[in-house]
Amino acid sequence: MADKPHALCLPFPGQGHINPMMKLAMLIHSRGFHITFVNTHFTHERIAESCGPSALTGLHDFRLETISDGLPQDHGRILKLPELCEAALKNFPAPLKQLIVEINESGDVPPVSCIVSSGFLNFTQEIADEVGVPRVALWTTSACGYWGYFHVPDLIQKGYTPLKGMSYLSLLIYYSWDAVCVRLKPYKYG
């Protein structure tokens, strides 16, 4: 059993992160990996409510585990994304590391051999380094979204952000559209 690779997958508990991570986990599983898919208690319960309890029964060698996001059950985490981000960064590391230790000491499953986590969860790199396994970051943002993030330093350098008033908004839109138009022009070869 120790020879089988074991990926621990941890998506950020927000819309647009869980499904892509689940699809990647299933693809990795189909290639012979043991999978431990980690969600928050809240997300786990929502999946069970919306899809039925059978949605949470894993495949052979595909475990579903939960950790706490540290927020109260009645917290509006879906609408309060900054608070969820802060809670994840603060409250995920200790229980995640404890879960990895428990998995590795259990003898029931292969030890964790890599961590696959959302790109936002940078603390998982430190945990991976501590337990001696590689970490892969899954970035679920669209190409357009990534392009926007990529140009934030340019926007700051040019003084377009942070916005200093509504008049800057038209400049920002013009800058963004101009950059898109430059990329859409036909490329001349030779």
C-alpha atoms as a PDB file:
ATOM      1  CA  MET A   1       0.000   0.000   0.000  1.00  0.00           C
ATOM      2  CA  ALA A   2       2.887   2.390   0.720  1.00  0.00           C
ATOM      3  CA  ASP A   3       3.904   2.201  -2.953  1.00  0.00           C
ATOM      4  CA  LYS A   4       0.677   3.780  -4.165  1.00  0.00           C
ATOM      5  CA  PRO A   5       0.894   7.586  -4.544  1.00  0.00           C
ATOM      6  CA  HIS A   6      -1.475   9.564  -2.326  1.00  0.00           C
ATOM      7  CA  ALA A   7      -2.600  13.081  -3.215  1.00  0.00           C
ATOM      8  CA  LEU A   8      -4.260  15.259  -0.602  1.00  0.00           C
ATOM      9  CA  CYS A   9      -6.465  17.789  -2.420  1.00  0.00           C
ATOM     10  CA  LEU A  10      -7.556  21.005  -0.699  1.00  0.00           C
ATOM     11  CA  PRO A  11      -9.679  23.505  -2.620  1.00  0.00           C
ATOM     12  CA  PHE A  12     -10.379  27.001  -1.366  1.00  0.00           C
ATOM     13  CA  PRO A  13     -13.930  26.776   0.032  1.00  0.00           C
ATOM     14  CA  GLY A  14     -15.415  29.184  -2.491  1.00  0.00           C
ATOM     15  CA  GLN A  15     -17.443  28.971  -5.632  1.00  0.00           C
ATOM     16  CA  GLY A  16     -15.306  28.116  -8.632  1.00  0.00           C
ATOM     17  CA  HIS A  17     -12.640  26.233  -6.662  1.00  0.00           C
ATOM     18  CA  ILE A  18     -14.278  23.041  -5.425  1.00  0.00           C
ATOM     19  CA  ASN A  19     -15.574  21.608  -8.714  1.00  0.00           C
ATOM     20  CA  PRO A  20     -12.320  22.072 -10.667  1.00  0.00           C
ATOM     21  CA  MET A  21     -10.373  20.527  -7.777  1.00  0.00           C
ATOM     22  CA  MET A  22     -12.810  17.608  -7.620  1.00  0.00           C
ATOM     23  CA  LYS A  23     -12.433  17.030 -11.374  1.00  0.00           C
ATOM     24  CA  LEU A  24      -8.650  17.102 -11.073  1.00  0.00           C
ATOM     25  CA  ALA A  25      -8.795  14.740  -8.081  1.00  0.00           C
ATOM     26  CA  MET A  26     -10.939  12.289 -10.046  1.00  0.00           C
ATOM     27  CA  LEU A  27      -8.538  12.465 -12.988  1.00  0.00           C
ATOM     28  CA  ILE A  28      -5.563  11.814 -10.703  1.00  0.00           C
ATOM     29  CA  HIS A  29      -7.503   8.965  -9.069  1.00  0.00           C
ATOM     30  CA  SER A  30      -8.104   7.405 -12.476  1.00  0.00           C
ATOM     31  CA  ARG A  31      -4.311   7.293 -12.897  1.00  0.00           C
ATOM     32  CA  GLY A  32      -3.876   5.128  -9.798  1.00  0.00           C
ATOM     33  CA  PHE A  33      -3.544   7.657  -6.984  1.00  0.00           C
ATOM     34  CA  HIS A  34      -5.179   7.322  -3.615  1.00  0.00           C
ATOM     35  CA  ILE A  35      -7.037  10.611  -2.979  1.00  0.00           C
ATOM     36  CA  THR A  36      -7.950  12.435   0.208  1.00  0.00           C
ATOM     37  CA  PHE A  37     -10.239  15.325  -0.717  1.00  0.00           C
ATOM     38  CA  VAL A  38     -10.508  17.886   2.084  1.00  0.00           C
ATOM     39  CA  ASN A  39     -13.452  20.271   2.406  1.00  0.00           C
ATOM     40  CA  THR A  40     -14.722  22.443   5.220  1.00  0.00           C
ATOM     41  CA  HIS A  41     -17.492  21.039   7.424  1.00  0.00           C
ATOM     42  CA  PHE A  42     -19.818  23.716   5.988  1.00  0.00           C
ATOM     43  CA  THR A  43     -19.077  22.827   2.349  1.00  0.00           C
ATOM     44  CA  HIS A  44     -19.349  19.111   3.073  1.00  0.00           C
ATOM     45  CA  GLU A  45     -22.826  19.608   4.582  1.00  0.00           C
ATOM     46  CA  ARG A  46     -23.962  21.785   1.653  1.00  0.00           C
ATOM     47  CA  ILE A  47     -22.919  19.115  -0.843  1.00  0.00           C
ATOM     48  CA  ALA A  48     -24.804  16.494   1.167  1.00  0.00           C
ATOM     49  CA  GLU A  49     -27.922  18.704   1.276  1.00  0.00           C
ATOM     50  CA  SER A  50     -27.931  19.607  -2.402  1.00  0.00           C
ATOM     51  CA  CYS A  51     -26.789  16.312  -3.930  1.00  0.00           C
ATOM     52  CA  GLY A  52     -27.869  13.792  -1.312  1.00  0.00           C
ATOM     53  CA  PRO A  53     -25.688  11.725   1.001  1.00  0.00           C
ATOM     54  CA  SER A  54     -24.661   9.363  -1.799  1.00  0.00           C
ATOM     55  CA  ALA A  55     -22.740  12.263  -3.396  1.00  0.00           C
ATOM     56  CA  LEU A  56     -20.295  12.041  -0.499  1.00  0.00           C
ATOM     57  CA  THR A  57     -19.596   8.352  -0.761  1.00  0.00           C
ATOM     58  CA  GLY A  58     -16.229   8.117  -2.397  1.00  0.00           C
ATOM     59  CA  LEU A  59     -14.769   5.729  -4.890  1.00  0.00           C
ATOM     60  CA  HIS A  60     -12.368   3.039  -3.824  1.00  0.00           C
ATOM     61  CA  ASP A  61      -9.229   4.808  -2.536  1.00  0.00           C
ATOM     62  CA  PHE A  62     -11.017   8.185  -2.624  1.00  0.00           C
ATOM     63  CA  ARG A  63     -11.595   9.600   0.860  1.00  0.00           C
ATOM     64  CA  LEU A  64     -13.521  12.707   1.808  1.00  0.00           C
ATOM     65  CA  GLU A  65     -12.330  14.524   4.932  1.00  0.00           C
ATOM     66  CA  THR A  66     -13.356  17.777   6.560  1.00  0.00           C
ATOM     67  CA  ILE A  67     -11.675  20.529   8.549  1.00  0.00           C
ATOM     68  CA  SER A  68     -13.169  23.575  10.210  1.00  0.00           C
ATOM     69  CA  ASP A  69     -12.986  27.032   8.681  1.00  0.00           C
ATOM     70  CA  GLY A  70     -13.257  28.419  12.221  1.00  0.00           C
ATOM     71  CA  LEU A  71     -16.388  30.437  11.459  1.00  0.00           C
ATOM     72  CA  PRO A  72     -19.687  30.017  13.339  1.00  0.00           C
ATOM     73  CA  GLN A  73     -22.249  27.780  11.607  1.00  0.00           C
ATOM     74  CA  ASP A  74     -24.620  30.719  10.998  1.00  0.00           C
ATOM     75  CA  HIS A  75     -21.900  32.929   9.472  1.00  0.00           C
ATOM     76  CA  GLY A  76     -22.758  34.231   5.991  1.00  0.00           C
ATOM     77  CA  ARG A  77     -19.461  32.951   4.581  1.00  0.00           C
ATOM     78  CA  ILE A  78     -20.811  32.771   1.033  1.00  0.00           C
ATOM     79  CA  LEU A  79     -21.523  36.505   0.952  1.00  0.00           C
ATOM     80  CA  LYS A  80     -18.609  37.552   3.174  1.00  0.00           C
ATOM     81  CA  LEU A  81     -15.693  36.368   1.076  1.00  0.00           C
ATOM     82  CA  PRO A  82     -12.991  38.528   2.731  1.00  0.00           C
ATOM     83  CA  GLU A  83     -13.882  37.018   6.115  1.00  0.00           C
ATOM     84  CA  LEU A  84     -13.800  33.508   4.632  1.00  0.00           C
ATOM     85  CA  CYS A  85     -10.360  34.184   3.112  1.00  0.00           C
ATOM     86  CA  GLU A  86      -9.027  35.454   6.424  1.00  0.00           C
ATOM     87  CA  ALA A  87     -10.540  32.503   8.304  1.00  0.00           C
ATOM     88  CA  ALA A  88      -9.064  29.988   5.844  1.00  0.00           C
ATOM     89  CA  LEU A  89      -5.561  31.421   6.108  1.00  0.00           C
ATOM     90  CA  LYS A  90      -5.799  31.555   9.899  1.00  0.00           C
ATOM     91  CA  ASN A  91      -7.679  28.347  10.703  1.00  0.00           C
ATOM     92  CA  PHE A  92      -6.728  25.783   8.021  1.00  0.00           C
ATOM     93  CA  PRO A  93      -3.005  25.178   8.653  1.00  0.00           C
ATOM     94  CA  ALA A  94      -3.114  23.455  12.068  1.00  0.00           C
ATOM     95  CA  PRO A  95      -5.988  21.024  11.364  1.00  0.00           C
ATOM     96  CA  LEU A  96      -4.638  20.280   7.876  1.00  0.00           C
ATOM     97  CA  LYS A  97      -1.209  19.398   9.239  1.00  0.00           C
ATOM     98  CA  GLN A  98      -2.849  17.289  11.970  1.00  0.00           C
ATOM     99  CA  LEU A  99      -4.922  15.468   9.331  1.00  0.00           C
ATOM    100  CA  ILE A 100      -1.780  14.677   7.316  1.00  0.00           C
ATOM    101  CA  VAL A 101      -0.028  13.349  10.434  1.00  0.00           C
ATOM    102  CA  GLU A 102      -3.067  11.168  11.255  1.00  0.00           C
ATOM    103  CA  ILE A 103      -3.235   9.826   7.694  1.00  0.00           C
ATOM    104  CA  ASN A 104       0.485   9.063   7.623  1.00  0.00           C
ATOM    105  CA  GLU A 105       0.423   7.318  11.009  1.00  0.00           C
ATOM    106  CA  SER A 106      -2.802   5.348  10.415  1.00  0.00           C
ATOM    107  CA  GLY A 107      -1.367   2.580   8.261  1.00  0.00           C
ATOM    108  CA  ASP A 108      -4.837   2.222   6.687  1.00  0.00           C
ATOM    109  CA  VAL A 109      -3.913   4.199   3.584  1.00  0.00           C
ATOM    110  CA  PRO A 110      -0.663   5.104   1.836  1.00  0.00           C
ATOM    111  CA  PRO A 111       1.122   8.103   3.343  1.00  0.00           C
ATOM    112  CA  VAL A 112       0.433  11.452   1.690  1.00  0.00           C
ATOM    113  CA  SER A 113       2.941  11.832  -1.134  1.00  0.00           C
ATOM    114  CA  CYS A 114       1.827  15.218  -2.509  1.00  0.00           C
ATOM    115  CA  ILE A 115      -0.500  18.114  -1.764  1.00  0.00           C
ATOM    116  CA  VAL A 116      -2.676  19.675  -4.466  1.00  0.00           C
ATOM    117  CA  SER A 117      -4.213  22.932  -3.255  1.00  0.00           C
ATOM    118  CA  SER A 118      -5.883  26.045  -4.591  1.00  0.00           C
ATOM    119  CA  GLY A 119      -3.416  28.713  -5.600  1.00  0.00           C
ATOM    120  CA  PHE A 120      -4.824  31.006  -2.906  1.00  0.00           C
ATOM    121  CA  LEU A 121      -3.790  28.635  -0.115  1.00  0.00           C
ATOM    122  CA  ASN A 122      -0.063  29.421  -0.069  1.00  0.00           C
ATOM    123  CA  PHE A 123       0.366  28.144   3.493  1.00  0.00           C
ATOM    124  CA  THR A 124       0.100  24.617   2.078  1.00  0.00           C
ATOM    125  CA  GLN A 125       3.612  25.059   0.659  1.00  0.00           C
ATOM    126  CA  GLU A 126       4.990  25.426   4.187  1.00  0.00           C
ATOM    127  CA  ILE A 127       3.085  22.331   5.320  1.00  0.00           C
ATOM    128  CA  ALA A 128       4.320  20.375   2.290  1.00  0.00           C
ATOM    129  CA  ASP A 129       7.899  21.413   3.090  1.00  0.00           C
ATOM    130  CA  GLU A 130       7.449  20.386   6.739  1.00  0.00           C
ATOM    131  CA  VAL A 131       6.137  16.920   5.890  1.00  0.00           C
ATOM    132  CA  GLY A 132       8.582  16.477   2.992  1.00  0.00           C
ATOM    133  CA  VAL A 133       6.202  16.222   0.031  1.00  0.00           C
ATOM    134  CA  PRO A 134       5.766  18.305  -3.120  1.00  0.00           C
ATOM    135  CA  ARG A 135       2.884  20.738  -3.492  1.00  0.00           C
ATOM    136  CA  VAL A 136       1.049  21.600  -6.694  1.00  0.00           C
ATOM    137  CA  ALA A 137      -1.107  24.725  -6.890  1.00  0.00           C
ATOM    138  CA  LEU A 138      -4.293  24.618  -8.951  1.00  0.00           C
ATOM    139  CA  TRP A 139      -5.181  28.057 -10.244  1.00  0.00           C
ATOM    140  CA  THR A 140      -8.862  27.997 -11.218  1.00  0.00           C
ATOM    141  CA  THR A 141      -9.099  31.535 -12.568  1.00  0.00           C
ATOM    142  CA  SER A 142     -10.007  31.951 -16.219  1.00  0.00           C
ATOM    143  CA  ALA A 143      -7.394  33.174 -18.670  1.00  0.00           C
ATOM    144  CA  CYS A 144      -9.078  36.585 -18.692  1.00  0.00           C
ATOM    145  CA  GLY A 145      -9.074  36.746 -14.889  1.00  0.00           C
ATOM    146  CA  TYR A 146      -5.433  35.716 -14.759  1.00  0.00           C
ATOM    147  CA  TRP A 147      -4.621  38.380 -17.342  1.00  0.00           C
ATOM    148  CA  GLY A 148      -6.271  40.938 -15.077  1.00  0.00           C
ATOM    149  CA  TYR A 149      -4.264  39.804 -12.030  1.00  0.00           C
ATOM    150  CA  PHE A 150      -1.108  39.807 -14.118  1.00  0.00           C
ATOM    151  CA  HIS A 151      -1.592  43.505 -14.966  1.00  0.00           C
ATOM    152  CA  VAL A 152      -2.330  44.765 -11.445  1.00  0.00           C
ATOM    153  CA  PRO A 153       1.314  45.903 -10.993  1.00  0.00           C
ATOM    154  CA  ASP A 154       1.053  47.911 -14.246  1.00  0.00           C
ATOM    155  CA  LEU A 155      -2.161  49.557 -13.041  1.00  0.00           C
ATOM    156  CA  ILE A 156      -0.533  50.482  -9.729  1.00  0.00           C
ATOM    157  CA  GLN A 157       2.620  51.761 -11.441  1.00  0.00           C
ATOM    158  CA  LYS A 158       0.587  53.971 -13.784  1.00  0.00           C
ATOM    159  CA  GLY A 159      -1.415  55.296 -10.824  1.00  0.00           C
ATOM    160  CA  TYR A 160      -4.753  53.915 -12.053  1.00  0.00           C
ATOM    161  CA  THR A 161      -5.270  52.015  -8.808  1.00  0.00           C
ATOM    162  CA  PRO A 162      -6.190  52.435  -6.091  1.00  0.00           C
ATOM    163  CA  LEU A 163      -8.949  54.599  -7.539  1.00  0.00           C
ATOM    164  CA  LYS A 164      -8.857  58.184  -6.352  1.00  0.00           C
ATOM    165  CA  GLY A 165     -12.317  59.053  -7.642  1.00  0.00           C
ATOM    166  CA  MET A 166     -14.891  58.172 -10.273  1.00  0.00           C
ATOM    167  CA  SER A 167     -12.987  60.050 -13.004  1.00  0.00           C
ATOM    168  CA  TYR A 168     -10.270  57.396 -12.805  1.00  0.00           C
ATOM    169  CA  LEU A 169     -12.768  54.689 -13.670  1.00  0.00           C
ATOM    170  CA  SER A 170     -13.030  55.769 -17.315  1.00  0.00           C
ATOM    171  CA  LEU A 171      -9.220  55.829 -17.573  1.00  0.00           C
ATOM    172  CA  LEU A 172      -9.052  52.318 -16.161  1.00  0.00           C
ATOM    173  CA  ILE A 173     -11.600  51.010 -18.642  1.00  0.00           C
ATOM    174  CA  TYR A 174      -9.809  52.764 -21.506  1.00  0.00           C
ATOM    175  CA  TYR A 175      -6.464  51.296 -20.419  1.00  0.00           C
ATOM    176  CA  SER A 176      -7.910  47.791 -20.161  1.00  0.00           C
ATOM    177  CA  TRP A 177      -9.685  47.980 -23.518  1.00  0.00           C
ATOM    178  CA  ASP A 178      -6.631  49.435 -25.214  1.00  0.00           C
ATOM    179  CA  ALA A 179      -4.512  46.548 -23.924  1.00  0.00           C
ATOM    180  CA  VAL A 180      -7.077  44.023 -25.199  1.00  0.00           C
ATOM    181  CA  CYS A 181      -7.193  45.704 -28.619  1.00  0.00           C
ATOM    182  CA  VAL A 182      -3.420  45.610 -28.911  1.00  0.00           C
ATOM    183  CA  ARG A 183      -3.510  41.846 -28.379  1.00  0.00           C
ATOM    184  CA  LEU A 184      -6.316  41.379 -30.919  1.00  0.00           C
ATOM    185  CA  LYS A 185      -4.434  42.989 -33.804  1.00  0.00           C
ATOM    186  CA  PRO A 186      -3.105  40.479 -36.349  1.00  0.00           C
ATOM    187  CA  TYR A 187       0.489  39.496 -35.737  1.00  0.00           C
ATOM    188  CA  LYS A 188       2.820  40.176 -38.664  1.00  0.00           C
ATOM    189  CA  TYR A 189       5.222  37.338 -39.262  1.00  0.00           C
ATOM    190  CA  GLY A 190       8.739  37.874 -40.545  1.00  0.00           C
END
